[in-house]
Amino acid sequence: MTSRREFISKGSLSLLGLTALPALLSQCTSEGTSVTDIFSFPRVTPESEGIASEAITSFVNEANKSGLEWHSFKILRRGNVIAEGHWSPFKEEYKHTLYSLSKSFTSTAIGLAVKEGLFTVEDAVISFFPEELPETVDENLQNMKIKHLLTMNSGHESGTLGNMRAKEKEQTWVKSFLEQPLTYTPGTHFFYNTGATYILGAIIHAKTGQNLEEYLKPRFFDKLEINDYDWEKSPEGLNTAGYGLRVKTEDIAKLGQFYLQNGTWKGEEILSAEWVAEASKKHTKSQEGDGDWSQGYGYQFWRCKPEPGFYRGDGAYGQYCIIIPPYDMTIVVTSESFDMGKSMQIIWDTILPAVEGKPLRENRKAHAELKALCENLSISPPKSITSSANAAQINEQVFQATQNEYGIKSLKFDIASDQGNVIFDTTDGENTLTFGIEKWHTNDVYTVNSFPVENRIHVPSLIAASATWIDDNTLQITRKFVEAIHGDTMLCKFNNSKVEISFKNSISQNTHNGQDERKPLMAQT
């Protein structure tokens, strides 16, 4: 089985820390939003759409046994939700980072622009950026077309985004992209290249003066009632395009259903059926092998292995919008998976064999069991010891931080039997992290990272936290950034009047040679 490509965009890695940022709340929440506002699809039993509840129960059980971290799933057939669930502390009403699944939304914007006659996929890329061209425009750059960006056949031999970021203080991302050498003739070599997707968004801006959010809002987001989202931006104010979009699981399902309906929504043709067919078909070879990343690539969509006609939007760590026209199905998954091939194989092995062409007899018992299972999904917090003989003494102390790069001046713990908190006095004010004892507690303030990981963009999120005692002198606090993907562990080691807090982010915890380079925070009374 071929696992996920080893591409992780540095710019889209989000969140590992804590600084209150109430000023950004308006960018992350919509007033009046509630769980009941989110749902737009009818909810029906699996049996009414030809799938046994037991099969979906098997999928959930296999997901729970997989050793991977799942955040949500949603299964639709013929436009009806037949099963769904969120693993606590993730919830239906939270947005979720999409990573490269953002690319499929960018592809949609290109399709809309083509329909409006703004350009064609045959147009030369350099024609949109006459002021950004390198001194020498070689034949390969002259021949690079929009379709080559869409199909990851730009002609590059290596990634472009790192160089774009490295030079962002001296020139635009577009200029940095265009000056990078093209080893291959565009259209002849597949190389997965997030910088190419950024240029697609920049082309939209060049023609309309709007970034992707602004362009998509009246044409796509509003029409599909996707109204609580945000998208990271470059220094020029353009959306990052190839990553950085956050929407809800239901909204990902809307994207899938929209493509399943050949670009129509509520009877209105938004994209043409011809564009959907072009966007979803195989235009190029992709990876070597026979896995789900080896079946070819379309216009920012991957082809899938199980049967002809399957395709998907796909983001790092297991963000999936799987579109299955032969079965009239959409399957959505969000997760922090470090084996994406395994995640997808669980879907293929448990759900697909159960799909029937006609409704099944209702099975109330099996459906009730499935519903109960889905309503009680949870990521198990780390568990060791629930109390410490030294907790009362620790609670009495205020620890003064030694000089540090995090802006922490002092900290104080207040740890009870079922809940606790740590209060940080920082150069920006006081921040409190509340945690459950071996259970999740979600803090109600959007925060970004006070303990930044180098080369990562940090966006605001709610934080769920749980703590456990490793021994009487060591408290482990685990945090989940529930409107992102990743998590972080703070290991607090107490030694009489001193405390040392070291960090381990979830990527470092789950990858080979994954060192967390952040320096420990030292403090004493």
Protein backbone atom coordinates (compact mmCIF):
# COMPACT_ATOMS: atom_id res chain seq x y z
CA MET A 1 0.00 0.00 0.00
CA THR A 2 1.40 3.41 -0.99
CA SER A 3 1.11 5.95 1.81
CA ARG A 4 0.60 9.70 1.49
CA ARG A 5 3.19 11.73 -0.34
CA GLU A 6 5.82 13.19 1.94
CA PHE A 7 4.81 16.75 1.16
CA ILE A 8 3.99 18.97 4.11
CA SER A 9 3.66 22.65 3.37
CA LYS A 10 5.53 24.57 6.02
CA GLY A 11 3.16 27.46 5.62
CA SER A 12 0.10 25.42 6.50
CA LEU A 13 1.30 23.82 9.71
CA SER A 14 -0.84 25.39 12.37
CA LEU A 15 -0.91 26.00 16.03
CA LEU A 16 0.94 24.73 18.95
CA GLY A 17 0.43 27.15 21.83
CA LEU A 18 -1.41 29.80 23.67
CA THR A 19 -1.78 33.55 23.37
CA ALA A 20 -5.24 35.04 23.66
CA LEU A 21 -6.21 36.82 20.47
CA PRO A 22 -9.78 38.09 20.88
CA ALA A 23 -9.24 40.67 18.13
CA LEU A 24 -9.28 37.85 15.56
CA LEU A 25 -12.52 36.31 16.75
CA SER A 26 -14.53 38.12 14.10
CA GLN A 27 -12.46 36.37 11.45
CA CYS A 28 -13.12 32.95 12.90
CA THR A 29 -16.74 32.97 14.03
CA SER A 30 -20.07 34.07 12.65
CA GLU A 31 -22.54 35.74 14.96
CA GLY A 32 -25.57 33.66 15.71
CA THR A 33 -24.05 30.43 14.46
CA SER A 34 -25.28 27.32 16.23
CA VAL A 35 -25.18 23.61 15.56
CA THR A 36 -28.66 23.74 14.05
CA ASP A 37 -27.53 26.41 11.56
CA ILE A 38 -24.86 24.12 10.14
CA PHE A 39 -26.87 21.20 8.79
CA SER A 40 -28.09 21.48 5.25
CA PHE A 41 -28.49 17.86 4.18
CA PRO A 42 -31.37 15.56 5.15
CA ARG A 43 -30.48 12.84 7.67
CA VAL A 44 -31.70 9.34 6.83
CA THR A 45 -30.90 5.77 7.81
CA PRO A 46 -28.12 3.95 5.94
CA GLU A 47 -30.58 1.21 5.01
CA SER A 48 -32.86 3.66 3.18
CA GLU A 49 -29.93 4.39 0.86
CA GLY A 50 -28.86 0.78 0.36
CA ILE A 51 -26.09 0.43 2.97
CA ALA A 52 -26.30 -1.68 6.11
CA SER A 53 -25.74 0.12 9.42
CA GLU A 54 -23.46 -2.76 10.44
CA ALA A 55 -21.01 -1.84 7.66
CA ILE A 56 -20.65 1.70 8.92
CA THR A 57 -20.34 0.41 12.48
CA SER A 58 -17.49 -1.75 11.20
CA PHE A 59 -15.86 1.33 9.65
CA VAL A 60 -16.06 3.27 12.93
CA ASN A 61 -14.75 0.33 14.94
CA GLU A 62 -11.84 -0.15 12.54
CA ALA A 63 -11.10 3.57 12.71
CA ASN A 64 -11.05 3.38 16.50
CA LYS A 65 -8.70 0.39 16.42
CA SER A 66 -6.39 1.82 13.78
CA GLY A 67 -4.04 3.71 16.10
CA LEU A 68 -4.70 6.81 13.99
CA GLU A 69 -6.36 10.00 15.18
CA TRP A 70 -9.72 10.65 13.50
CA HIS A 71 -11.52 13.96 14.01
CA SER A 72 -14.73 13.60 11.99
CA PHE A 73 -16.46 11.70 9.23
CA LYS A 74 -19.60 12.16 7.18
CA ILE A 75 -21.09 9.79 4.61
CA LEU A 76 -23.66 10.93 2.06
CA ARG A 77 -25.59 8.99 -0.55
CA ARG A 78 -27.89 10.64 -3.07
CA GLY A 79 -27.54 13.90 -1.16
CA ASN A 80 -28.58 12.44 2.20
CA VAL A 81 -26.34 12.05 5.24
CA ILE A 82 -26.50 8.42 6.28
CA ALA A 83 -23.89 8.54 9.05
CA GLU A 84 -21.64 11.12 10.72
CA GLY A 85 -19.59 11.65 13.83
CA HIS A 86 -16.99 13.78 15.55
CA TRP A 87 -14.39 12.47 17.93
CA SER A 88 -14.47 14.63 21.06
CA PRO A 89 -13.03 17.21 21.69
CA PHE A 90 -13.64 18.03 17.99
CA LYS A 91 -17.21 19.12 17.27
CA GLU A 92 -19.55 19.65 14.34
CA GLU A 93 -19.60 23.42 14.83
CA TYR A 94 -15.81 23.82 14.66
CA LYS A 95 -13.89 24.68 11.53
CA HIS A 96 -10.98 22.43 10.61
CA THR A 97 -7.74 23.09 8.75
CA LEU A 98 -7.85 21.52 5.30
CA TYR A 99 -4.19 21.62 4.24
CA SER A 100 -4.08 20.70 0.52
CA LEU A 101 -7.79 19.95 0.33
CA SER A 102 -7.86 23.76 -0.07
CA LYS A 103 -6.57 23.16 -3.60
CA SER A 104 -9.91 21.74 -4.72
CA PHE A 105 -11.63 25.00 -3.70
CA THR A 106 -9.03 26.93 -5.70
CA SER A 107 -9.68 24.68 -8.69
CA THR A 108 -13.36 25.53 -8.34
CA ALA A 109 -12.53 29.25 -8.53
CA ILE A 110 -10.60 28.66 -11.76
CA GLY A 111 -13.58 26.80 -13.21
CA LEU A 112 -15.87 29.68 -12.34
CA ALA A 113 -13.50 32.18 -13.96
CA VAL A 114 -13.29 30.08 -17.12
CA LYS A 115 -17.09 29.94 -17.25
CA GLU A 116 -17.21 33.73 -16.93
CA GLY A 117 -14.80 34.05 -19.85
CA LEU A 118 -11.99 35.67 -17.86
CA PHE A 119 -9.43 33.30 -19.36
CA THR A 120 -8.97 29.73 -20.59
CA VAL A 121 -6.75 26.97 -19.27
CA GLU A 122 -4.65 27.37 -22.43
CA ASP A 123 -3.62 30.92 -21.51
CA ALA A 124 0.06 31.53 -20.78
CA VAL A 125 0.87 32.12 -17.11
CA ILE A 126 3.31 34.96 -17.84
CA SER A 127 0.59 36.94 -19.61
CA PHE A 128 -1.00 37.76 -16.25
CA PHE A 129 2.16 39.09 -14.60
CA PRO A 130 4.06 41.39 -16.98
CA GLU A 131 5.57 43.33 -14.05
CA GLU A 132 6.78 40.24 -12.21
CA LEU A 133 8.81 38.48 -14.89
CA PRO A 134 12.48 37.54 -14.47
CA GLU A 135 15.08 39.27 -16.64
CA THR A 136 15.25 36.24 -18.91
CA VAL A 137 12.04 34.44 -19.86
CA ASP A 138 13.07 31.10 -21.32
CA GLU A 139 11.03 28.90 -23.61
CA ASN A 140 9.74 26.69 -20.79
CA LEU A 141 8.39 29.66 -18.85
CA GLN A 142 6.83 31.06 -22.02
CA ASN A 143 5.05 27.73 -22.55
CA MET A 144 3.70 27.34 -19.01
CA LYS A 145 -0.12 27.47 -19.17
CA ILE A 146 -2.86 27.57 -16.56
CA LYS A 147 -3.63 23.91 -17.22
CA HIS A 148 -0.05 23.02 -16.25
CA LEU A 149 -0.55 24.68 -12.87
CA LEU A 150 -3.85 22.84 -12.40
CA THR A 151 -2.32 19.43 -13.17
CA MET A 152 0.98 19.92 -11.29
CA ASN A 153 2.92 19.81 -14.56
CA SER A 154 4.52 23.24 -14.28
CA GLY A 155 7.96 21.93 -15.24
CA HIS A 156 9.59 22.28 -11.83
CA GLU A 157 11.89 19.62 -10.44
CA SER A 158 11.53 20.69 -6.81
CA GLY A 159 9.16 22.64 -4.61
CA THR A 160 8.70 26.37 -5.01
CA LEU A 161 6.95 27.49 -1.83
CA GLY A 162 10.04 27.42 0.38
CA ASN A 163 11.86 29.86 -1.88
CA MET A 164 8.77 32.02 -2.17
CA ARG A 165 8.66 32.34 1.60
CA ALA A 166 12.40 32.81 1.97
CA LYS A 167 12.37 35.86 -0.34
CA GLU A 168 9.06 37.36 0.76
CA LYS A 169 10.71 40.39 2.41
CA GLU A 170 12.38 41.42 -0.84
CA GLN A 171 9.87 40.45 -3.52
CA THR A 172 6.41 39.01 -4.11
CA TRP A 173 5.60 35.33 -4.04
CA VAL A 174 4.63 35.53 -7.71
CA LYS A 175 8.00 36.93 -8.74
CA SER A 176 9.83 34.27 -6.73
CA PHE A 177 7.77 31.53 -8.38
CA LEU A 178 8.37 32.81 -11.90
CA GLU A 179 12.13 33.15 -11.45
CA GLN A 180 12.65 29.56 -10.34
CA PRO A 181 14.16 27.43 -13.12
CA LEU A 182 12.03 24.96 -15.04
CA THR A 183 13.87 21.69 -15.57
CA TYR A 184 11.14 20.14 -17.72
CA THR A 185 8.92 21.31 -20.53
CA PRO A 186 5.56 22.22 -18.92
CA GLY A 187 3.06 19.43 -19.38
CA THR A 188 5.64 16.62 -19.40
CA HIS A 189 6.50 16.02 -15.74
CA PHE A 190 4.29 15.67 -12.64
CA PHE A 191 5.64 17.31 -9.50
CA TYR A 192 3.31 18.14 -6.63
CA ASN A 193 3.90 21.84 -6.17
CA THR A 194 1.85 24.04 -3.85
CA GLY A 195 3.44 27.17 -5.27
CA ALA A 196 1.70 26.40 -8.56
CA THR A 197 -1.67 26.50 -6.81
CA TYR A 198 -0.80 29.87 -5.29
CA ILE A 199 -0.26 31.21 -8.79
CA LEU A 200 -3.77 30.07 -9.74
CA GLY A 201 -5.13 32.30 -6.99
CA ALA A 202 -2.83 35.10 -8.11
CA ILE A 203 -4.26 34.82 -11.64
CA ILE A 204 -7.77 35.27 -10.23
CA HIS A 205 -6.50 38.40 -8.47
CA ALA A 206 -4.77 39.68 -11.60
CA LYS A 207 -8.04 39.46 -13.55
CA THR A 208 -10.51 40.58 -10.89
CA GLY A 209 -8.61 42.47 -8.18
CA GLN A 210 -10.09 40.00 -5.69
CA ASN A 211 -8.43 37.31 -3.60
CA LEU A 212 -9.93 33.83 -3.63
CA GLU A 213 -12.20 34.41 -0.63
CA GLU A 214 -13.63 37.55 -2.19
CA TYR A 215 -14.06 35.94 -5.59
CA LEU A 216 -15.64 32.72 -4.29
CA LYS A 217 -17.98 34.34 -1.78
CA PRO A 218 -20.87 35.43 -4.06
CA ARG A 219 -20.25 32.76 -6.69
CA PHE A 220 -19.75 29.68 -4.53
CA PHE A 221 -19.58 30.06 -0.76
CA ASP A 222 -22.82 32.03 -0.45
CA LYS A 223 -24.71 29.79 -2.85
CA LEU A 224 -23.70 26.65 -0.94
CA GLU A 225 -24.28 28.44 2.40
CA ILE A 226 -20.65 28.07 3.43
CA ASN A 227 -20.47 31.09 5.70
CA ASP A 228 -17.99 30.43 8.50
CA TYR A 229 -14.51 30.05 7.05
CA ASP A 230 -11.10 31.69 6.88
CA TRP A 231 -8.09 31.33 4.63
CA GLU A 232 -4.45 32.15 5.31
CA LYS A 233 -2.85 34.89 3.21
CA SER A 234 0.51 35.73 1.68
CA PRO A 235 2.28 39.00 2.54
CA GLU A 236 0.59 40.50 -0.54
CA GLY A 237 -2.85 39.75 0.91
CA LEU A 238 -3.65 36.91 -1.49
CA ASN A 239 -5.02 33.68 -0.10
CA THR A 240 -2.42 30.93 0.03
CA ALA A 241 -4.64 28.88 -2.31
CA GLY A 242 -2.90 25.52 -1.97
CA TYR A 243 -3.46 25.30 1.80
CA GLY A 244 -4.72 27.32 4.74
CA LEU A 245 -8.51 27.20 4.24
CA ARG A 246 -10.62 26.26 7.26
CA VAL A 247 -14.26 25.14 6.93
CA LYS A 248 -16.57 22.76 8.76
CA THR A 249 -16.96 19.08 7.92
CA GLU A 250 -20.44 19.79 6.58
CA ASP A 251 -18.95 22.35 4.21
CA ILE A 252 -16.46 19.83 2.86
CA ALA A 253 -19.45 17.57 2.19
CA LYS A 254 -21.10 20.43 0.28
CA LEU A 255 -18.05 20.64 -1.99
CA GLY A 256 -18.25 16.90 -2.65
CA GLN A 257 -21.99 16.92 -3.29
CA PHE A 258 -21.61 19.91 -5.59
CA TYR A 259 -19.17 17.98 -7.77
CA LEU A 260 -21.29 14.85 -7.52
CA GLN A 261 -24.15 16.94 -8.95
CA ASN A 262 -21.93 18.03 -11.85
CA GLY A 263 -21.59 21.61 -10.69
CA THR A 264 -25.25 22.32 -9.90
CA TRP A 265 -26.76 23.42 -6.59
CA LYS A 266 -30.47 23.73 -5.87
CA GLY A 267 -31.16 23.51 -9.57
CA GLU A 268 -28.68 26.21 -10.60
CA GLU A 269 -25.72 25.41 -12.82
CA ILE A 270 -22.74 27.05 -11.12
CA LEU A 271 -20.05 25.07 -12.94
CA SER A 272 -20.68 23.25 -16.20
CA ALA A 273 -20.81 19.47 -16.27
CA GLU A 274 -18.04 19.63 -18.87
CA TRP A 275 -15.75 21.46 -16.44
CA VAL A 276 -16.47 18.97 -13.65
CA ALA A 277 -15.60 16.12 -16.02
CA GLU A 278 -12.35 17.85 -17.00
CA ALA A 279 -11.42 18.73 -13.42
CA SER A 280 -11.98 15.20 -12.15
CA LYS A 281 -10.45 13.12 -14.93
CA LYS A 282 -6.88 11.87 -15.13
CA HIS A 283 -4.74 14.42 -16.96
CA THR A 284 -1.35 13.15 -15.87
CA LYS A 285 0.47 10.31 -14.23
CA SER A 286 1.20 10.97 -10.56
CA GLN A 287 3.31 8.91 -8.19
CA GLU A 288 4.91 5.60 -9.05
CA GLY A 289 3.33 2.43 -7.66
CA ASP A 290 -0.26 1.27 -7.29
CA GLY A 291 -1.58 3.20 -4.28
CA ASP A 292 -4.14 5.95 -4.00
CA TRP A 293 -1.57 8.59 -4.98
CA SER A 294 -0.59 6.63 -8.09
CA GLN A 295 -3.87 6.76 -10.00
CA GLY A 296 -3.33 10.08 -11.72
CA TYR A 297 -4.15 13.72 -11.09
CA GLY A 298 -6.79 16.08 -12.45
CA TYR A 299 -7.34 19.77 -11.85
CA GLN A 300 -6.24 19.79 -8.18
CA PHE A 301 -8.06 16.50 -7.55
CA TRP A 302 -6.51 13.06 -7.06
CA ARG A 303 -7.89 9.94 -8.68
CA CYS A 304 -8.67 7.02 -6.37
CA LYS A 305 -7.81 3.35 -6.69
CA PRO A 306 -10.91 1.25 -5.95
CA GLU A 307 -12.89 1.71 -9.17
CA PRO A 308 -12.92 3.96 -12.26
CA GLY A 309 -14.63 7.25 -11.57
CA PHE A 310 -13.59 7.74 -7.94
CA TYR A 311 -11.71 10.98 -7.16
CA ARG A 312 -11.00 13.19 -4.18
CA GLY A 313 -9.79 16.43 -2.71
CA ASP A 314 -6.97 15.53 -0.37
CA GLY A 315 -5.07 17.30 2.41
CA ALA A 316 -2.12 16.30 4.57
CA TYR A 317 -2.78 14.24 7.69
CA GLY A 318 -6.00 12.82 6.26
CA GLN A 319 -8.38 15.58 5.14
CA TYR A 320 -10.55 13.90 2.52
CA CYS A 321 -13.44 14.80 0.28
CA ILE A 322 -14.01 11.54 -1.60
CA ILE A 323 -16.42 11.78 -4.53
CA ILE A 324 -17.85 8.52 -5.84
CA PRO A 325 -20.13 9.10 -8.88
CA PRO A 326 -20.76 5.39 -9.61
CA TYR A 327 -22.36 5.02 -6.15
CA ASP A 328 -23.74 8.59 -5.89
CA MET A 329 -21.75 9.00 -2.67
CA THR A 330 -19.55 11.51 -0.92
CA ILE A 331 -17.34 10.53 2.02
CA VAL A 332 -15.67 13.20 4.15
CA VAL A 333 -12.95 12.66 6.75
CA THR A 334 -10.89 15.04 8.88
CA SER A 335 -8.07 13.72 11.01
CA GLU A 336 -4.46 13.87 12.12
CA SER A 337 -3.34 10.69 10.43
CA PHE A 338 0.30 9.74 10.07
CA ASP A 339 -0.60 6.89 7.71
CA MET A 340 -3.01 8.32 5.18
CA GLY A 341 -2.96 5.23 3.02
CA LYS A 342 -4.16 3.15 5.97
CA SER A 343 -6.93 5.66 6.68
CA MET A 344 -8.25 5.41 3.15
CA GLN A 345 -7.95 1.63 3.01
CA ILE A 346 -10.22 1.34 6.05
CA ILE A 347 -12.87 3.24 4.09
CA TRP A 348 -12.46 1.04 1.03
CA ASP A 349 -12.50 -2.21 3.02
CA THR A 350 -15.52 -1.52 5.24
CA ILE A 351 -17.93 0.77 3.39
CA LEU A 352 -17.61 0.05 -0.31
CA PRO A 353 -18.42 -3.69 -0.18
CA ALA A 354 -21.70 -2.88 1.56
CA VAL A 355 -23.10 -0.51 -1.08
CA GLU A 356 -26.27 -1.89 -2.70
CA GLY A 357 -28.26 -0.50 -5.60
CA LYS A 358 -31.62 -0.40 -3.81
CA PRO A 359 -32.89 0.30 -0.28
CA LEU A 360 -32.53 -2.38 2.37
CA ARG A 361 -35.00 -3.44 5.02
CA GLU A 362 -34.72 -1.13 8.00
CA ASN A 363 -32.76 -2.54 10.93
CA ARG A 364 -33.71 -0.45 13.95
CA LYS A 365 -31.44 -2.28 16.36
CA ALA A 366 -28.33 -1.97 14.17
CA HIS A 367 -29.08 1.65 13.37
CA ALA A 368 -29.59 2.50 17.05
CA GLU A 369 -26.24 0.89 17.86
CA LEU A 370 -24.54 2.86 15.08
CA LYS A 371 -26.13 6.11 16.19
CA ALA A 372 -25.05 5.56 19.81
CA LEU A 373 -21.53 4.73 18.69
CA CYS A 374 -21.29 7.88 16.55
CA GLU A 375 -22.68 10.12 19.28
CA ASN A 376 -20.06 8.98 21.77
CA LEU A 377 -16.84 9.10 19.77
CA SER A 378 -13.84 10.46 21.64
CA ILE A 379 -10.08 10.73 21.36
CA SER A 380 -8.82 9.12 24.55
CA PRO A 381 -6.72 11.57 26.57
CA PRO A 382 -3.45 10.29 28.04
CA LYS A 383 -3.98 8.61 31.41
CA SER A 384 -1.50 7.73 34.12
CA ILE A 385 -2.20 9.03 37.65
CA THR A 386 -5.08 11.32 38.59
CA SER A 387 -3.53 13.00 41.62
CA SER A 388 -0.24 14.05 43.21
CA ALA A 389 0.69 14.31 46.86
CA ASN A 390 2.50 17.53 45.98
CA ALA A 391 -0.39 19.29 44.23
CA ALA A 392 -1.33 21.47 47.20
CA GLN A 393 2.26 22.66 47.64
CA ILE A 394 2.58 23.40 43.91
CA ASN A 395 -0.66 25.39 43.98
CA GLU A 396 0.74 27.73 46.63
CA GLN A 397 3.69 28.87 44.53
CA VAL A 398 4.17 31.57 41.93
CA PHE A 399 7.02 30.64 39.61
CA GLN A 400 9.06 33.50 38.16
CA ALA A 401 10.26 32.65 34.67
CA THR A 402 13.89 33.02 33.73
CA GLN A 403 14.63 34.91 30.52
CA ASN A 404 12.85 33.18 27.66
CA GLU A 405 11.79 33.69 24.05
CA TYR A 406 8.09 33.22 24.81
CA GLY A 407 7.39 36.44 26.68
CA ILE A 408 6.42 34.55 29.85
CA LYS A 409 7.08 36.52 33.06
CA SER A 410 5.57 34.15 35.64
CA LEU A 411 3.17 31.25 35.98
CA LYS A 412 0.95 29.72 38.63
CA PHE A 413 -0.82 26.37 38.82
CA ASP A 414 -4.20 25.61 40.39
CA ILE A 415 -4.76 21.87 40.21
CA ALA A 416 -7.83 20.18 41.72
CA SER A 417 -9.06 16.60 41.58
CA ASP A 418 -11.05 16.91 38.35
CA GLN A 419 -9.78 20.10 36.73
CA GLY A 420 -6.92 22.53 36.84
CA ASN A 421 -5.39 25.53 35.19
CA VAL A 422 -2.09 27.23 34.66
CA ILE A 423 -2.03 31.02 34.58
CA PHE A 424 0.69 32.65 32.49
CA ASP A 425 1.62 36.27 33.12
CA THR A 426 3.06 37.41 29.81
CA THR A 427 4.31 40.60 28.23
CA ASP A 428 0.93 40.74 26.45
CA GLY A 429 -1.19 40.15 29.54
CA GLU A 430 -2.52 37.20 31.51
CA ASN A 431 -3.53 33.94 29.83
CA THR A 432 -5.20 30.98 31.49
CA LEU A 433 -5.16 27.43 30.17
CA THR A 434 -7.80 25.26 31.83
CA PHE A 435 -7.53 21.47 31.57
CA GLY A 436 -9.49 18.48 32.72
CA ILE A 437 -7.84 15.73 34.72
CA GLU A 438 -7.72 12.81 32.28
CA LYS A 439 -10.63 14.32 30.37
CA TRP A 440 -10.91 17.07 27.78
CA HIS A 441 -11.83 20.62 28.71
CA THR A 442 -12.26 23.08 25.85
CA ASN A 443 -11.22 26.64 26.63
CA ASP A 444 -13.58 29.30 25.30
CA VAL A 445 -11.00 31.83 24.05
CA TYR A 446 -9.40 31.70 20.62
CA THR A 447 -5.63 31.54 20.99
CA VAL A 448 -2.47 31.38 18.93
CA ASN A 449 0.95 30.10 19.77
CA SER A 450 3.05 31.62 22.53
CA PHE A 451 5.46 28.71 22.13
CA PRO A 452 6.04 28.90 18.37
CA VAL A 453 7.53 26.16 16.27
CA GLU A 454 9.95 27.56 13.71
CA ASN A 455 8.71 27.97 10.13
CA ARG A 456 5.06 27.49 11.01
CA ILE A 457 2.12 29.80 10.59
CA HIS A 458 -0.03 30.03 13.71
CA VAL A 459 -3.73 30.74 13.38
CA PRO A 460 -6.28 31.19 16.17
CA SER A 461 -8.13 28.18 17.54
CA LEU A 462 -9.98 26.96 20.57
CA ILE A 463 -7.82 24.67 22.69
CA ALA A 464 -9.00 21.51 24.44
CA ALA A 465 -6.67 20.30 27.17
CA SER A 466 -6.32 17.30 29.44
CA ALA A 467 -3.71 16.57 32.11
CA THR A 468 -2.40 13.53 33.93
CA TRP A 469 0.29 13.02 36.55
CA ILE A 470 3.22 10.89 35.42
CA ASP A 471 4.46 10.86 39.02
CA ASP A 472 4.10 13.17 42.03
CA ASN A 473 6.47 15.71 40.48
CA THR A 474 5.55 15.53 36.78
CA LEU A 475 2.36 16.85 35.24
CA GLN A 476 1.70 16.18 31.54
CA ILE A 477 -0.71 18.56 29.83
CA THR A 478 -1.94 17.58 26.37
CA ARG A 479 -3.55 20.16 24.13
CA LYS A 480 -5.64 19.72 21.00
CA PHE A 481 -6.19 22.66 18.69
CA VAL A 482 -9.75 21.82 17.79
CA GLU A 483 -10.15 24.23 14.87
CA ALA A 484 -6.88 23.09 13.36
CA ILE A 485 -5.33 19.63 13.27
CA HIS A 486 -2.34 19.28 15.52
CA GLY A 487 -1.68 19.09 19.23
CA ASP A 488 1.03 19.74 21.74
CA THR A 489 2.26 18.25 25.00
CA MET A 490 3.64 20.31 27.87
CA LEU A 491 5.65 18.25 30.36
CA CYS A 492 5.86 20.15 33.67
CA LYS A 493 8.60 18.83 35.97
CA PHE A 494 8.53 20.22 39.51
CA ASN A 495 11.58 20.15 41.75
CA ASN A 496 10.93 21.91 45.06
CA SER A 497 10.90 25.60 44.12
CA LYS A 498 11.54 25.08 40.41
CA VAL A 499 9.54 24.01 37.39
CA GLU A 500 10.75 23.11 33.92
CA ILE A 501 8.25 22.93 31.06
CA SER A 502 9.35 21.09 27.93
CA PHE A 503 7.37 20.72 24.72
CA LYS A 504 6.59 18.01 22.21
CA ASN A 505 4.31 18.80 19.29
CA SER A 506 2.21 16.03 17.78
CA ILE A 507 4.17 15.95 14.52
CA SER A 508 7.42 15.39 16.40
CA GLN A 509 5.75 12.72 18.51
CA ASN A 510 4.62 10.74 15.50
CA THR A 511 7.47 11.03 12.99
CA HIS A 512 10.89 9.42 12.79
CA ASN A 513 13.66 11.54 14.31
CA GLY A 514 11.01 14.08 15.18
CA GLN A 515 12.83 16.47 17.45
CA ASP A 516 11.00 19.43 18.94
CA GLU A 517 13.53 22.26 18.84
CA ARG A 518 11.73 24.60 21.23
CA LYS A 519 13.67 25.48 24.36
CA PRO A 520 12.19 24.49 27.74
CA LEU A 521 10.61 27.19 29.87
CA MET A 522 12.39 27.46 33.24
CA ALA A 523 10.90 29.14 36.32
CA GLN A 524 11.38 29.21 40.08
CA THR A 525 9.84 30.81 43.13
